[in-house]
C-alpha atoms as a PDB file:
ATOM      1  CA  MET A   1       0.401  -0.002  -0.393  1.00  0.00           C
ATOM      2  CA  LYS A   2       1.339   3.344  -0.640  1.00  0.00           C
ATOM      3  CA  ALA A   3       0.103   6.814  -0.228  1.00  0.00           C
ATOM      4  CA  ILE A   4      -0.547  10.344  -2.042  1.00  0.00           C
ATOM      5  CA  ILE A   5      -0.745  13.631  -0.552  1.00  0.00           C
ATOM      6  CA  LEU A   6      -2.218  16.124  -2.599  1.00  0.00           C
ATOM      7  CA  ALA A   7      -0.570  19.430  -1.891  1.00  0.00           C
ATOM      8  CA  ALA A   8      -0.284  21.581  -4.829  1.00  0.00           C
ATOM      9  CA  GLY A   9      -2.619  24.410  -3.385  1.00  0.00           C
ATOM     10  CA  ARG A  10      -1.787  27.441  -1.321  1.00  0.00           C
ATOM     11  CA  GLY A  11      -4.689  27.770   0.783  1.00  0.00           C
ATOM     12  CA  SER A  12      -5.614  31.244  -0.061  1.00  0.00           C
ATOM     13  CA  ARG A  13      -8.542  31.199   2.767  1.00  0.00           C
ATOM     14  CA  LEU A  14      -5.514  30.755   4.962  1.00  0.00           C
ATOM     15  CA  LEU A  15      -4.872  34.426   3.808  1.00  0.00           C
ATOM     16  CA  SER A  16      -0.730  36.250   5.146  1.00  0.00           C
ATOM     17  CA  LEU A  17      -0.059  32.295   7.009  1.00  0.00           C
ATOM     18  CA  THR A  18       0.625  31.401   2.934  1.00  0.00           C
ATOM     19  CA  ASP A  19       2.089  33.970   1.641  1.00  0.00           C
ATOM     20  CA  ASP A  20       5.280  32.457   2.365  1.00  0.00           C
ATOM     21  CA  ARG A  21       4.321  28.875   2.512  1.00  0.00           C
ATOM     22  CA  PRO A  22       2.570  26.124   1.080  1.00  0.00           C
ATOM     23  CA  LYS A  23      -0.978  25.474   3.030  1.00  0.00           C
ATOM     24  CA  CYS A  24       0.062  22.157   4.165  1.00  0.00           C
ATOM     25  CA  LEU A  25       3.351  23.521   5.912  1.00  0.00           C
ATOM     26  CA  VAL A  26       1.081  25.879   8.170  1.00  0.00           C
ATOM     27  CA  GLU A  27       1.748  24.574  11.719  1.00  0.00           C
ATOM     28  CA  LEU A  28      -0.542  22.665  14.288  1.00  0.00           C
ATOM     29  CA  GLY A  29       0.285  22.281  17.847  1.00  0.00           C
ATOM     30  CA  GLY A  30       4.100  23.211  16.702  1.00  0.00           C
ATOM     31  CA  LYS A  31       4.312  21.089  13.369  1.00  0.00           C
ATOM     32  CA  PRO A  32       3.127  21.177   9.648  1.00  0.00           C
ATOM     33  CA  LEU A  33      -0.035  19.806   8.717  1.00  0.00           C
ATOM     34  CA  LEU A  34       1.586  17.824   6.296  1.00  0.00           C
ATOM     35  CA  HIS A  35       3.897  16.062   9.083  1.00  0.00           C
ATOM     36  CA  TRP A  36       0.647  15.271  10.625  1.00  0.00           C
ATOM     37  CA  GLN A  37      -0.519  13.314   7.607  1.00  0.00           C
ATOM     38  CA  ILE A  38       2.647  11.696   7.284  1.00  0.00           C
ATOM     39  CA  GLU A  39       2.892  10.294  10.859  1.00  0.00           C
ATOM     40  CA  ALA A  40      -1.071   9.179  10.758  1.00  0.00           C
ATOM     41  CA  LEU A  41       0.279   7.193   7.585  1.00  0.00           C
ATOM     42  CA  LYS A  42       3.647   5.769   8.738  1.00  0.00           C
ATOM     43  CA  GLY A  43       1.270   4.448  11.584  1.00  0.00           C
ATOM     44  CA  ALA A  44      -1.270   2.201   9.690  1.00  0.00           C
ATOM     45  CA  GLY A  45       1.706   0.638   7.866  1.00  0.00           C
ATOM     46  CA  ILE A  46       2.596   2.879   5.094  1.00  0.00           C
ATOM     47  CA  ASP A  47       5.931   4.532   3.991  1.00  0.00           C
ATOM     48  CA  ASP A  48       5.912   5.118   0.641  1.00  0.00           C
ATOM     49  CA  ILE A  49       4.401   7.910   0.435  1.00  0.00           C
ATOM     50  CA  LEU A  50       4.133  10.964  -2.735  1.00  0.00           C
ATOM     51  CA  VAL A  51       3.662  14.365  -2.381  1.00  0.00           C
ATOM     52  CA  VAL A  52       2.108  16.521  -5.254  1.00  0.00           C
ATOM     53  CA  ARG A  53       3.682  19.842  -4.768  1.00  0.00           C
ATOM     54  CA  GLY A  54       2.514  22.943  -6.743  1.00  0.00           C
ATOM     55  CA  TYR A  55       3.357  26.380  -4.323  1.00  0.00           C
ATOM     56  CA  CYS A  56       6.656  27.046  -2.848  1.00  0.00           C
ATOM     57  CA  LYS A  57       7.312  23.639  -4.200  1.00  0.00           C
ATOM     58  CA  GLU A  58      11.084  24.202  -3.040  1.00  0.00           C
ATOM     59  CA  GLN A  59      10.005  24.023   0.193  1.00  0.00           C
ATOM     60  CA  LEU A  60       8.322  20.498   0.073  1.00  0.00           C
ATOM     61  CA  VAL A  61      11.427  18.152   0.672  1.00  0.00           C
ATOM     62  CA  GLY A  62      11.859  15.312   2.756  1.00  0.00           C
ATOM     63  CA  ASN A  63      11.763  12.052   2.925  1.00  0.00           C
ATOM     64  CA  PHE A  64       8.884  10.757   0.521  1.00  0.00           C
ATOM     65  CA  GLU A  65       8.616  10.600  -3.377  1.00  0.00           C
ATOM     66  CA  THR A  66       7.552  14.267  -5.341  1.00  0.00           C
ATOM     67  CA  ALA A  67       5.249  14.747  -8.471  1.00  0.00           C
ATOM     68  CA  GLU A  68       4.395  18.424  -9.532  1.00  0.00           C
ATOM     69  CA  ASN A  69       1.109  20.264 -10.712  1.00  0.00           C
ATOM     70  CA  LEU A  70       2.802  23.068 -12.902  1.00  0.00           C
ATOM     71  CA  ARG A  71      -0.502  24.262 -13.202  1.00  0.00           C
ATOM     72  CA  TRP A  72      -1.306  24.271  -9.884  1.00  0.00           C
ATOM     73  CA  ASN A  73      -2.719  28.315  -9.729  1.00  0.00           C
ATOM     74  CA  GLU A  74      -5.115  27.320 -12.557  1.00  0.00           C
ATOM     75  CA  THR A  75      -6.026  23.868 -12.105  1.00  0.00           C
ATOM     76  CA  ASN A  76      -7.568  22.386  -9.345  1.00  0.00           C
ATOM     77  CA  MET A  77      -6.843  19.129  -7.005  1.00  0.00           C
ATOM     78  CA  VAL A  78      -8.126  16.423  -9.685  1.00  0.00           C
ATOM     79  CA  THR A  79      -5.244  18.117 -11.861  1.00  0.00           C
ATOM     80  CA  SER A  80      -3.458  17.061  -8.796  1.00  0.00           C
ATOM     81  CA  LEU A  81      -3.993  13.723  -9.184  1.00  0.00           C
ATOM     82  CA  MET A  82      -3.661  13.148 -12.139  1.00  0.00           C
ATOM     83  CA  ALA A  83       0.444  14.441 -11.458  1.00  0.00           C
ATOM     84  CA  ALA A  84       0.660  10.788  -9.610  1.00  0.00           C
ATOM     85  CA  ARG A  85      -1.094   8.699 -12.160  1.00  0.00           C
ATOM     86  CA  GLU A  86       1.659   6.238 -12.678  1.00  0.00           C
ATOM     87  CA  TRP A  87       1.696   5.743  -8.592  1.00  0.00           C
ATOM     88  CA  LEU A  88      -1.898   4.743  -8.389  1.00  0.00           C
ATOM     89  CA  GLN A  89      -2.296   2.412 -11.674  1.00  0.00           C
ATOM     90  CA  THR A  90       0.754  -0.196  -9.615  1.00  0.00           C
ATOM     91  CA  GLU A  91      -1.155  -0.512  -6.450  1.00  0.00           C
ATOM     92  CA  PRO A  92      -3.789   0.251  -4.078  1.00  0.00           C
ATOM     93  CA  CYS A  93      -3.214   3.686  -3.162  1.00  0.00           C
ATOM     94  CA  ILE A  94      -4.456   6.164   0.259  1.00  0.00           C
ATOM     95  CA  VAL A  95      -4.884   9.860  -0.851  1.00  0.00           C
ATOM     96  CA  SER A  96      -5.216  12.524   1.100  1.00  0.00           C
ATOM     97  CA  TYR A  97      -5.955  16.121   0.858  1.00  0.00           C
ATOM     98  CA  SER A  98      -3.412  17.903   2.617  1.00  0.00           C
ATOM     99  CA  ASP A  99      -5.052  20.289   5.445  1.00  0.00           C
ATOM    100  CA  ILE A 100      -6.729  17.355   6.939  1.00  0.00           C
ATOM    101  CA  ILE A 101      -5.685  16.308  10.484  1.00  0.00           C
ATOM    102  CA  TYR A 102      -6.562  12.861  11.196  1.00  0.00           C
ATOM    103  CA  PRO A 103      -5.210  10.193  13.555  1.00  0.00           C
ATOM    104  CA  SER A 104      -3.716   6.276  12.000  1.00  0.00           C
ATOM    105  CA  ASP A 105      -6.689   4.676  12.915  1.00  0.00           C
ATOM    106  CA  ALA A 106      -8.618   6.601   9.969  1.00  0.00           C
ATOM    107  CA  VAL A 107      -6.261   5.215   8.038  1.00  0.00           C
ATOM    108  CA  LYS A 108      -6.267   1.454   9.047  1.00  0.00           C
ATOM    109  CA  THR A 109      -9.811   1.565   8.481  1.00  0.00           C
ATOM    110  CA  LEU A 110      -9.848   2.402   4.849  1.00  0.00           C
ATOM    111  CA  VAL A 111      -6.499   0.573   4.347  1.00  0.00           C
ATOM    112  CA  GLU A 112      -8.478  -2.764   5.649  1.00  0.00           C
ATOM    113  CA  PHE A 113     -11.713  -2.246   3.729  1.00  0.00           C
ATOM    114  CA  GLU A 114     -11.479  -5.003   1.457  1.00  0.00           C
ATOM    115  CA  SER A 115     -12.867  -3.562  -2.145  1.00  0.00           C
ATOM    116  CA  GLU A 116     -11.797  -2.989  -5.897  1.00  0.00           C
ATOM    117  CA  ARG A 117     -13.873  -0.259  -5.971  1.00  0.00           C
ATOM    118  CA  LEU A 118     -12.814   3.592  -5.671  1.00  0.00           C
ATOM    119  CA  SER A 119     -13.822   3.557  -1.923  1.00  0.00           C
ATOM    120  CA  ILE A 120     -13.954   7.035   0.697  1.00  0.00           C
ATOM    121  CA  LEU A 121     -13.619   7.484   4.257  1.00  0.00           C
ATOM    122  CA  TYR A 122     -16.870   9.934   5.493  1.00  0.00           C
ATOM    123  CA  ASP A 123     -17.650  10.955   9.459  1.00  0.00           C
ATOM    124  CA  PRO A 124     -21.645   9.978  10.150  1.00  0.00           C
ATOM    125  CA  ASN A 125     -20.836  12.456  13.210  1.00  0.00           C
ATOM    126  CA  TRP A 126     -19.506  14.952  10.949  1.00  0.00           C
ATOM    127  CA  LEU A 127     -22.375  17.948  12.450  1.00  0.00           C
ATOM    128  CA  SER A 128     -20.200  18.217  15.735  1.00  0.00           C
ATOM    129  CA  LEU A 129     -17.110  19.153  14.273  1.00  0.00           C
ATOM    130  CA  TRP A 130     -18.976  21.549  11.736  1.00  0.00           C
ATOM    131  CA  LYS A 131     -21.027  23.774  15.030  1.00  0.00           C
ATOM    132  CA  LYS A 132     -17.715  23.793  16.006  1.00  0.00           C
ATOM    133  CA  ARG A 133     -16.100  25.494  12.678  1.00  0.00           C
ATOM    134  CA  PHE A 134     -19.277  27.390  11.863  1.00  0.00           C
ATOM    135  CA  SER A 135     -22.049  29.224  12.977  1.00  0.00           C
ATOM    136  CA  ASP A 136     -24.274  27.905  10.512  1.00  0.00           C
ATOM    137  CA  PRO A 137     -23.250  24.504   9.823  1.00  0.00           C
ATOM    138  CA  LEU A 138     -25.582  24.381   6.368  1.00  0.00           C
ATOM    139  CA  SER A 139     -23.412  27.750   5.030  1.00  0.00           C
ATOM    140  CA  ASP A 140     -20.546  25.197   4.333  1.00  0.00           C
ATOM    141  CA  ALA A 141     -21.818  21.891   4.214  1.00  0.00           C
ATOM    142  CA  GLU A 142     -22.784  19.692   0.932  1.00  0.00           C
ATOM    143  CA  SER A 143     -24.805  16.306   0.393  1.00  0.00           C
ATOM    144  CA  PHE A 144     -23.568  13.190   1.578  1.00  0.00           C
ATOM    145  CA  VAL A 145     -25.712  10.343   1.318  1.00  0.00           C
ATOM    146  CA  ALA A 146     -24.755   6.560   1.141  1.00  0.00           C
ATOM    147  CA  HIS A 147     -26.641   3.429   1.294  1.00  0.00           C
ATOM    148  CA  ASP A 148     -25.325  -0.328   2.375  1.00  0.00           C
ATOM    149  CA  GLY A 149     -22.049   1.266   1.922  1.00  0.00           C
ATOM    150  CA  VAL A 150     -22.658   2.784  -1.565  1.00  0.00           C
ATOM    151  CA  LEU A 151     -21.976   6.079  -2.168  1.00  0.00           C
ATOM    152  CA  THR A 152     -25.666   7.729  -4.130  1.00  0.00           C
ATOM    153  CA  ASP A 153     -24.751  11.389  -3.450  1.00  0.00           C
ATOM    154  CA  ILE A 154     -22.144  14.036  -2.841  1.00  0.00           C
ATOM    155  CA  GLY A 155     -21.275  17.770  -3.015  1.00  0.00           C
ATOM    156  CA  ARG A 156     -24.696  19.384  -4.003  1.00  0.00           C
ATOM    157  CA  THR A 157     -24.297  22.808  -1.893  1.00  0.00           C
ATOM    158  CA  ASN A 158     -27.793  25.052  -0.730  1.00  0.00           C
ATOM    159  CA  VAL A 159     -29.356  21.555   0.863  1.00  0.00           C
ATOM    160  CA  LYS A 160     -31.371  20.389   3.802  1.00  0.00           C
ATOM    161  CA  LEU A 161     -29.898  18.505   7.108  1.00  0.00           C
ATOM    162  CA  SER A 162     -31.589  15.185   6.094  1.00  0.00           C
ATOM    163  CA  GLU A 163     -29.506  15.524   2.606  1.00  0.00           C
ATOM    164  CA  ILE A 164     -26.357  14.911   4.542  1.00  0.00           C
ATOM    165  CA  LYS A 165     -25.720  11.842   5.963  1.00  0.00           C
ATOM    166  CA  GLY A 166     -21.985  12.600   6.786  1.00  0.00           C
ATOM    167  CA  GLN A 167     -19.251  14.161   5.853  1.00  0.00           C
ATOM    168  CA  TYR A 168     -16.610  12.859   3.410  1.00  0.00           C
ATOM    169  CA  MET A 169     -13.334  13.656   4.670  1.00  0.00           C
ATOM    170  CA  GLY A 170     -10.787  13.819   2.033  1.00  0.00           C
ATOM    171  CA  LEU A 171      -9.519  10.635   2.183  1.00  0.00           C
ATOM    172  CA  LEU A 172      -9.669   7.823  -0.376  1.00  0.00           C
ATOM    173  CA  LYS A 173      -7.704   4.606  -1.409  1.00  0.00           C
ATOM    174  CA  PHE A 174      -7.829   3.465  -5.517  1.00  0.00           C
ATOM    175  CA  THR A 175      -6.870   0.497  -6.781  1.00  0.00           C
ATOM    176  CA  PRO A 176      -5.747  -0.071 -10.227  1.00  0.00           C
ATOM    177  CA  ASP A 177      -8.752  -0.874 -11.645  1.00  0.00           C
ATOM    178  CA  ALA A 178     -10.706   1.871  -9.874  1.00  0.00           C
ATOM    179  CA  SER A 179      -7.754   4.549 -11.028  1.00  0.00           C
ATOM    180  CA  SER A 180      -8.373   3.085 -14.522  1.00  0.00           C
ATOM    181  CA  SER A 181     -12.499   4.160 -14.365  1.00  0.00           C
ATOM    182  CA  VAL A 182     -11.099   7.572 -13.190  1.00  0.00           C
ATOM    183  CA  PHE A 183      -9.024   8.293 -15.838  1.00  0.00           C
ATOM    184  CA  ASP A 184     -10.562   6.863 -18.585  1.00  0.00           C
ATOM    185  CA  LEU A 185     -13.401   9.820 -17.628  1.00  0.00           C
ATOM    186  CA  LEU A 186     -10.906  12.275 -16.995  1.00  0.00           C
ATOM    187  CA  ASP A 187      -8.969  11.877 -20.220  1.00  0.00           C
ATOM    188  CA  LYS A 188     -11.458  12.563 -22.639  1.00  0.00           C
ATOM    189  CA  ASP A 189     -11.231  16.357 -22.175  1.00  0.00           C
ATOM    190  CA  GLN A 190      -8.588  18.101 -20.051  1.00  0.00           C
ATOM    191  CA  LYS A 191      -9.963  21.338 -19.928  1.00  0.00           C
ATOM    192  CA  PHE A 192     -12.573  19.953 -18.572  1.00  0.00           C
ATOM    193  CA  SER A 193     -10.852  17.492 -15.926  1.00  0.00           C
ATOM    194  CA  ASP A 194      -8.693  21.186 -15.057  1.00  0.00           C
ATOM    195  CA  THR A 195     -11.766  22.533 -13.779  1.00  0.00           C
ATOM    196  CA  LEU A 196     -12.858  19.520 -11.758  1.00  0.00           C
ATOM    197  CA  ASP A 197     -12.665  18.985  -7.859  1.00  0.00           C
ATOM    198  CA  MET A 198     -12.475  16.095  -5.731  1.00  0.00           C
ATOM    199  CA  THR A 199     -16.097  15.666  -5.024  1.00  0.00           C
ATOM    200  CA  THR A 200     -17.585  16.818  -8.078  1.00  0.00           C
ATOM    201  CA  LEU A 201     -15.287  13.914  -9.692  1.00  0.00           C
ATOM    202  CA  LEU A 202     -16.682  11.564  -7.221  1.00  0.00           C
ATOM    203  CA  ARG A 203     -20.489  13.002  -8.527  1.00  0.00           C
ATOM    204  CA  LEU A 204     -19.492  12.194 -12.297  1.00  0.00           C
ATOM    205  CA  LEU A 205     -18.755   9.092 -11.123  1.00  0.00           C
ATOM    206  CA  ILE A 206     -22.000   8.116  -9.950  1.00  0.00           C
ATOM    207  CA  GLU A 207     -23.896   9.528 -12.441  1.00  0.00           C
ATOM    208  CA  LYS A 208     -21.714   7.848 -15.213  1.00  0.00           C
ATOM    209  CA  GLY A 209     -22.832   3.986 -13.163  1.00  0.00           C
ATOM    210  CA  LYS A 210     -19.323   3.580 -11.164  1.00  0.00           C
ATOM    211  CA  ILE A 211     -19.841   2.707  -7.911  1.00  0.00           C
ATOM    212  CA  VAL A 212     -18.330   4.512  -5.006  1.00  0.00           C
ATOM    213  CA  MET A 213     -17.621   2.739  -1.775  1.00  0.00           C
ATOM    214  CA  ALA A 214     -18.497   5.212   1.676  1.00  0.00           C
ATOM    215  CA  VAL A 215     -16.565   3.694   4.632  1.00  0.00           C
ATOM    216  CA  PRO A 216     -18.191   5.342   8.075  1.00  0.00           C
ATOM    217  CA  TRP A 217     -15.598   6.500  10.869  1.00  0.00           C
ATOM    218  CA  GLN A 218     -16.091   7.886  14.048  1.00  0.00           C
ATOM    219  CA  GLY A 219     -13.651   9.849  15.821  1.00  0.00           C
ATOM    220  CA  THR A 220     -11.612  13.023  15.991  1.00  0.00           C
ATOM    221  CA  TRP A 221     -10.456  14.834  12.715  1.00  0.00           C
ATOM    222  CA  CYS A 222     -10.118  18.386  11.269  1.00  0.00           C
ATOM    223  CA  GLU A 223      -9.949  20.345   8.473  1.00  0.00           C
ATOM    224  CA  VAL A 224      -8.130  23.700   7.715  1.00  0.00           C
ATOM    225  CA  ASP A 225      -9.332  25.742   5.593  1.00  0.00           C
ATOM    226  CA  SER A 226      -9.166  29.351   6.980  1.00  0.00           C
ATOM    227  CA  GLN A 227      -7.823  31.207  10.329  1.00  0.00           C
ATOM    228  CA  GLU A 228     -10.910  29.692  11.835  1.00  0.00           C
ATOM    229  CA  ASP A 229     -10.550  26.408  11.454  1.00  0.00           C
ATOM    230  CA  LEU A 230      -6.862  26.597  12.428  1.00  0.00           C
ATOM    231  CA  LYS A 231      -8.031  27.992  15.662  1.00  0.00           C
ATOM    232  CA  VAL A 232     -10.473  24.849  16.133  1.00  0.00           C
ATOM    233  CA  ALA A 233      -7.793  22.653  15.549  1.00  0.00           C
ATOM    234  CA  GLU A 234      -5.287  24.389  18.145  1.00  0.00           C
ATOM    235  CA  ALA A 235      -8.541  23.601  20.357  1.00  0.00           C
ATOM    236  CA  LEU A 236      -8.572  20.197  19.499  1.00  0.00           C
ATOM    237  CA  PHE A 237      -5.058  19.797  19.748  1.00  0.00           C
ATOM    238  CA  ARG A 238      -4.890  21.184  23.576  1.00  0.00           C
ATOM    239  CA  GLU A 239      -8.074  18.562  24.604  1.00  0.00           C
ATOM    240  CA  GLU A 240      -5.474  16.197  23.104  1.00  0.00           C
ATOM    241  CA  ASP A 241      -7.852  14.779  21.049  1.00  0.00           C
ATOM    242  CA  LEU A 242      -5.693  15.062  17.814  1.00  0.00           C
END
């Protein structure tokens, strides 16, 4: 099992904190977000890690392989995923966003889930975290519905609470077969794929009749998308929940 961390973006909503560093090097609890992710992956038994770089790429060096999204400022996360194509096509691979913090137990849950399908991790108890992040949790929440472990809806905005059965955490598991299905779709139109975020890609796969597995996990994690999020994450760190 390998792992890929998608770390090409700047993270403009973190404002001055990313003026001189990529988003994944913003610190939480005295160490960069990237280090949290690498530690969690290694704790789950994954030592072979690739980081997709872009903004301030020269700062992303370490005991990991690298790939580059040279058009990081004009593309979205799916383009970064495509930069790691060779890794995805050879063996099962965990893919992680670079602005999330999670324990190794979350990774293990996805690693141990047996399926040749594309699989994603989600938090069914998402609302408690979103209430800490936002005065109105629904202002940022998106649709998420799964039936019998199969994802049926994701990524729609302006939805009711009843349409949100969980929160996609930014952790996925690809197999070579699943990767082929994804790239078959993306290769048809590069300009189109450049605009895609990950949840839109997942929704398109569902609409094309592809099966995406949704794996529940309950525990403490956080997303750092703004300075307010960083404060929430720091509070969780102080409470030793992370």
